[in-house]
């Protein structure tokens, strides 16, 4: 006998809010963090790693529709929280205020990497994608003109140096969000003490720690060559005061950043 119950389908769960965002920085381990968050049974992430919702200026000029953000998620059974990972948010001027306007209780995760090696990794990525024809130092010297040409927007492709001035970005974050809602991770610590760092991230998000998960590297960029001593020294002089500002702001020891940078990361993410 056919009954109406046979035709009843449980509606798909819908997301009503995003609980956290991995907001940056680019080339500082966000892809690896996303990999582990994606495998946590209590966390829902969108199918697409980088939604670029809050740095989409045209979207916000038209009038923002937060339901479009929520439709990017398919909550999984047993999930307690939902988050997304777009590493340009911390750099993109209006993005943090837009996130604050969306949900003032949201939590932010920010990863910071030695800005010298972050810039070199960024340049390598652009070379690998055929967006960059200049050698590294030539690209660094050309950056001010490239940034000026992109105004009133920021440059996504050629902001090698600019993205590494973390103190102004962090100050913008702290202008809108209390520090208790912001978890800042040093890339080098994550690289060297991965399980401990992941446990601190899960604790910040209020979910259980998970056992070891086999890491399958993604977005690895094969460097065409190592960074040279001249390039390290040139950028170290540019970032000297900035590194001190970050140390004071976060109460970190960034002496490994301020050195000659000989320890290039074993993998680029």
Protein backbone atom coordinates (compact mmCIF):
# COMPACT_ATOMS: atom_id res chain seq x y z
CA UNK A 1 0.00 0.00 0.00
CA UNK A 2 1.34 3.42 -0.97
CA UNK A 3 1.14 6.03 1.74
CA UNK A 4 2.07 9.76 1.70
CA UNK A 5 4.95 8.97 4.06
CA UNK A 6 6.70 7.08 1.24
CA UNK A 7 7.02 10.30 -0.73
CA UNK A 8 8.27 12.41 2.18
CA UNK A 9 11.84 13.57 1.90
CA UNK A 10 13.70 15.18 4.72
CA UNK A 11 14.67 18.70 3.61
CA UNK A 12 18.34 19.40 3.07
CA UNK A 13 19.83 21.25 6.07
CA UNK A 14 20.51 24.90 5.42
CA UNK A 15 23.21 27.09 6.87
CA UNK A 16 22.09 30.14 8.82
CA UNK A 17 25.47 31.57 9.83
CA UNK A 18 29.20 31.24 9.33
CA UNK A 19 31.03 30.77 12.63
CA UNK A 20 34.65 31.36 11.64
CA UNK A 21 36.86 32.49 8.79
CA UNK A 22 40.47 31.72 7.97
CA UNK A 23 41.21 35.23 6.73
CA UNK A 24 44.86 35.06 5.69
CA UNK A 25 47.58 35.54 4.97
CA UNK A 26 48.18 34.31 1.45
CA UNK A 27 51.10 31.85 1.09
CA UNK A 28 51.21 31.36 4.85
CA UNK A 29 49.80 27.85 5.27
CA UNK A 30 46.07 28.50 4.82
CA UNK A 31 45.71 25.68 2.30
CA UNK A 32 47.15 23.19 4.78
CA UNK A 33 44.93 24.48 7.59
CA UNK A 34 41.91 24.21 5.28
CA UNK A 35 42.88 20.59 4.55
CA UNK A 36 42.70 19.64 8.23
CA UNK A 37 39.57 21.69 8.97
CA UNK A 38 37.85 19.98 6.06
CA UNK A 39 38.49 16.57 7.64
CA UNK A 40 37.13 17.48 11.06
CA UNK A 41 33.76 15.74 11.61
CA UNK A 42 32.35 18.71 13.57
CA UNK A 43 33.23 21.36 10.96
CA UNK A 44 31.45 22.21 7.71
CA UNK A 45 33.31 24.03 4.95
CA UNK A 46 32.01 25.03 1.52
CA UNK A 47 32.87 22.87 -1.48
CA UNK A 48 35.05 25.66 -2.83
CA UNK A 49 38.07 26.53 -0.71
CA UNK A 50 38.15 30.28 -1.37
CA UNK A 51 34.72 31.88 -1.65
CA UNK A 52 36.00 35.46 -2.06
CA UNK A 53 32.66 36.66 -0.73
CA UNK A 54 33.81 39.53 1.49
CA UNK A 55 36.46 40.84 -0.92
CA UNK A 56 34.05 40.98 -3.87
CA UNK A 57 33.64 44.74 -4.26
CA UNK A 58 31.13 44.45 -7.09
CA UNK A 59 28.88 42.22 -4.98
CA UNK A 60 28.81 44.74 -2.15
CA UNK A 61 28.25 47.64 -4.56
CA UNK A 62 25.15 45.86 -5.89
CA UNK A 63 23.81 45.10 -2.44
CA UNK A 64 24.99 42.14 -0.44
CA UNK A 65 22.91 38.95 -0.23
CA UNK A 66 24.11 36.83 2.68
CA UNK A 67 21.91 33.95 1.58
CA UNK A 68 24.24 33.58 -1.39
CA UNK A 69 27.03 33.00 1.12
CA UNK A 70 25.00 30.45 3.05
CA UNK A 71 24.03 28.56 -0.11
CA UNK A 72 27.73 27.80 -0.66
CA UNK A 73 27.57 25.37 2.27
CA UNK A 74 26.05 21.93 2.61
CA UNK A 75 26.08 21.22 6.36
CA UNK A 76 27.27 17.70 7.07
CA UNK A 77 25.69 15.41 9.62
CA UNK A 78 27.22 15.93 13.06
CA UNK A 79 28.68 19.31 12.21
CA UNK A 80 28.67 21.90 14.99
CA UNK A 81 30.20 24.91 13.22
CA UNK A 82 30.79 26.22 9.71
CA UNK A 83 33.65 28.27 8.36
CA UNK A 84 35.38 29.35 5.20
CA UNK A 85 38.93 30.11 4.10
CA UNK A 86 39.83 33.06 1.86
CA UNK A 87 43.39 34.22 2.61
CA UNK A 88 43.06 37.63 0.96
CA UNK A 89 40.51 38.94 3.49
CA UNK A 90 43.08 40.17 5.99
CA UNK A 91 44.80 42.15 3.22
CA UNK A 92 41.76 43.43 1.32
CA UNK A 93 40.88 46.81 2.86
CA UNK A 94 37.06 46.65 3.24
CA UNK A 95 36.80 42.90 3.90
CA UNK A 96 37.24 42.93 7.69
CA UNK A 97 34.58 45.61 8.20
CA UNK A 98 32.23 43.64 5.93
CA UNK A 99 32.81 40.52 8.01
CA UNK A 100 32.11 42.52 11.17
CA UNK A 101 28.87 43.85 9.67
CA UNK A 102 27.89 40.29 8.77
CA UNK A 103 28.44 38.80 12.21
CA UNK A 104 30.21 40.53 15.07
CA UNK A 105 30.64 37.30 17.07
CA UNK A 106 32.50 35.52 14.26
CA UNK A 107 35.96 34.09 14.96
CA UNK A 108 38.97 34.81 12.77
CA UNK A 109 42.05 32.67 12.19
CA UNK A 110 45.08 34.44 10.72
CA UNK A 111 48.38 32.82 9.76
CA UNK A 112 51.49 34.95 9.32
CA UNK A 113 54.71 33.90 7.62
CA UNK A 114 58.16 35.45 7.38
CA UNK A 115 57.24 38.31 5.00
CA UNK A 116 60.46 37.90 3.01
CA UNK A 117 59.73 34.27 2.19
CA UNK A 118 56.01 34.94 1.81
CA UNK A 119 56.82 37.51 -0.89
CA UNK A 120 59.20 35.13 -2.63
CA UNK A 121 56.62 32.32 -2.56
CA UNK A 122 53.96 34.71 -3.91
CA UNK A 123 56.26 35.73 -6.76
CA UNK A 124 56.99 32.08 -7.56
CA UNK A 125 53.28 31.35 -7.69
CA UNK A 126 52.68 34.20 -10.13
CA UNK A 127 55.59 33.03 -12.29
CA UNK A 128 54.25 29.48 -12.30
CA UNK A 129 50.84 30.78 -13.39
CA UNK A 130 52.45 32.85 -16.18
CA UNK A 131 51.26 36.13 -14.66
CA UNK A 132 54.77 37.39 -13.89
CA UNK A 133 57.59 37.96 -16.37
CA UNK A 134 59.92 40.02 -14.16
CA UNK A 135 62.66 38.59 -11.98
CA UNK A 136 62.04 38.82 -8.25
CA UNK A 137 63.88 42.03 -7.38
CA UNK A 138 62.70 43.69 -10.60
CA UNK A 139 59.13 42.81 -9.61
CA UNK A 140 59.71 44.21 -6.11
CA UNK A 141 61.04 47.48 -7.55
CA UNK A 142 58.12 47.66 -9.99
CA UNK A 143 55.53 47.07 -7.27
CA UNK A 144 54.85 50.71 -6.28
CA UNK A 145 53.95 51.60 -9.88
CA UNK A 146 51.84 48.46 -10.23
CA UNK A 147 49.96 49.22 -7.02
CA UNK A 148 49.35 52.79 -8.17
CA UNK A 149 48.00 51.53 -11.50
CA UNK A 150 45.48 49.31 -9.70
CA UNK A 151 43.97 52.09 -7.57
CA UNK A 152 41.36 52.66 -6.25
CA UNK A 153 41.49 48.86 -5.79
CA UNK A 154 44.34 46.86 -4.34
CA UNK A 155 46.51 44.67 -6.52
CA UNK A 156 45.83 40.97 -6.14
CA UNK A 157 48.59 39.72 -8.42
CA UNK A 158 51.57 41.93 -7.72
CA UNK A 159 51.29 42.81 -4.02
CA UNK A 160 54.39 40.84 -3.05
CA UNK A 161 55.74 43.37 -0.57
CA UNK A 162 52.48 45.05 0.37
CA UNK A 163 50.84 41.94 1.76
CA UNK A 164 53.75 41.46 4.15
CA UNK A 165 53.09 44.65 6.11
CA UNK A 166 51.10 42.72 8.68
CA UNK A 167 50.91 45.28 11.49
CA UNK A 168 48.46 47.60 9.69
CA UNK A 169 46.34 44.60 8.71
CA UNK A 170 46.25 43.32 12.28
CA UNK A 171 45.43 46.76 13.63
CA UNK A 172 42.48 46.90 11.25
CA UNK A 173 41.32 43.50 12.51
CA UNK A 174 41.64 44.57 16.15
CA UNK A 175 39.76 47.78 15.44
CA UNK A 176 36.68 45.68 14.70
CA UNK A 177 37.20 42.47 16.66
CA UNK A 178 38.38 41.85 20.23
CA UNK A 179 41.51 39.78 20.48
CA UNK A 180 39.62 36.93 22.12
CA UNK A 181 37.92 36.36 18.74
CA UNK A 182 41.17 36.37 16.76
CA UNK A 183 43.63 33.47 16.70
CA UNK A 184 46.94 34.38 15.08
CA UNK A 185 49.25 31.52 14.10
CA UNK A 186 52.89 31.75 13.14
CA UNK A 187 53.42 29.75 9.95
CA UNK A 188 56.82 28.50 11.05
CA UNK A 189 55.32 27.14 14.28
CA UNK A 190 52.58 25.38 12.33
CA UNK A 191 55.17 23.89 10.00
CA UNK A 192 57.38 22.62 12.83
CA UNK A 193 54.73 21.69 15.45
CA UNK A 194 51.73 20.82 13.35
CA UNK A 195 49.69 18.71 15.80
CA UNK A 196 50.15 21.19 18.64
CA UNK A 197 49.16 24.11 16.41
CA UNK A 198 46.09 22.31 15.06
CA UNK A 199 44.99 21.46 18.60
CA UNK A 200 45.21 25.16 19.47
CA UNK A 201 43.07 26.03 16.43
CA UNK A 202 40.45 23.40 17.27
CA UNK A 203 40.40 24.59 20.88
CA UNK A 204 39.89 28.17 19.73
CA UNK A 205 36.95 27.02 17.59
CA UNK A 206 35.44 25.01 20.44
CA UNK A 207 35.61 21.59 18.79
CA UNK A 208 37.40 18.40 19.77
CA UNK A 209 40.96 17.67 18.76
CA UNK A 210 41.35 14.91 16.21
CA UNK A 211 43.94 12.22 15.79
CA UNK A 212 46.68 12.44 13.24
CA UNK A 213 45.45 12.91 9.71
CA UNK A 214 47.67 12.00 6.77
CA UNK A 215 48.49 15.27 5.05
CA UNK A 216 48.21 15.32 1.29
CA UNK A 217 49.98 18.41 0.07
CA UNK A 218 48.04 20.73 -2.23
CA UNK A 219 48.92 23.90 -4.14
CA UNK A 220 52.61 23.10 -3.97
CA UNK A 221 54.62 25.45 -6.15
CA UNK A 222 57.96 24.14 -7.41
CA UNK A 223 60.45 26.95 -6.98
CA UNK A 224 62.40 27.69 -10.12
CA UNK A 225 65.35 28.63 -7.95
CA UNK A 226 66.13 29.38 -4.30
CA UNK A 227 66.03 32.90 -2.94
CA UNK A 228 69.43 34.60 -3.13
CA UNK A 229 71.39 36.29 -0.35
CA UNK A 230 71.02 39.62 -2.14
CA UNK A 231 67.23 39.24 -2.31
CA UNK A 232 67.01 38.24 1.36
CA UNK A 233 69.09 41.22 2.43
CA UNK A 234 67.15 43.65 0.23
CA UNK A 235 63.79 42.64 1.69
CA UNK A 236 65.15 42.31 5.24
CA UNK A 237 66.04 46.00 5.15
CA UNK A 238 62.56 46.90 3.90
CA UNK A 239 60.80 44.82 6.55
CA UNK A 240 63.12 45.52 9.50
CA UNK A 241 60.84 48.00 11.28
CA UNK A 242 57.70 46.11 10.27
CA UNK A 243 58.92 42.90 11.87
CA UNK A 244 59.56 44.80 15.11
CA UNK A 245 56.00 46.16 15.00
CA UNK A 246 54.59 42.65 14.62
CA UNK A 247 56.72 41.41 17.52
CA UNK A 248 55.35 44.16 19.76
CA UNK A 249 51.76 43.77 18.58
CA UNK A 250 51.63 40.00 19.08
CA UNK A 251 54.36 39.62 21.72
CA UNK A 252 56.12 37.19 19.42
CA UNK A 253 59.77 36.43 18.89
CA UNK A 254 60.34 36.99 15.17
CA UNK A 255 64.11 36.82 15.22
CA UNK A 256 63.87 34.00 12.67
CA UNK A 257 62.10 36.44 10.33
CA UNK A 258 64.60 39.21 10.88
CA UNK A 259 67.61 36.99 10.17
CA UNK A 260 69.09 36.16 6.80
CA UNK A 261 66.26 33.78 5.90
CA UNK A 262 68.42 30.83 4.92
CA UNK A 263 65.86 28.33 6.12
CA UNK A 264 63.45 28.33 3.21
CA UNK A 265 60.33 26.26 3.91
CA UNK A 266 60.52 22.67 2.79
CA UNK A 267 57.24 23.07 0.92
CA UNK A 268 55.34 26.06 -0.39
CA UNK A 269 51.64 26.38 0.40
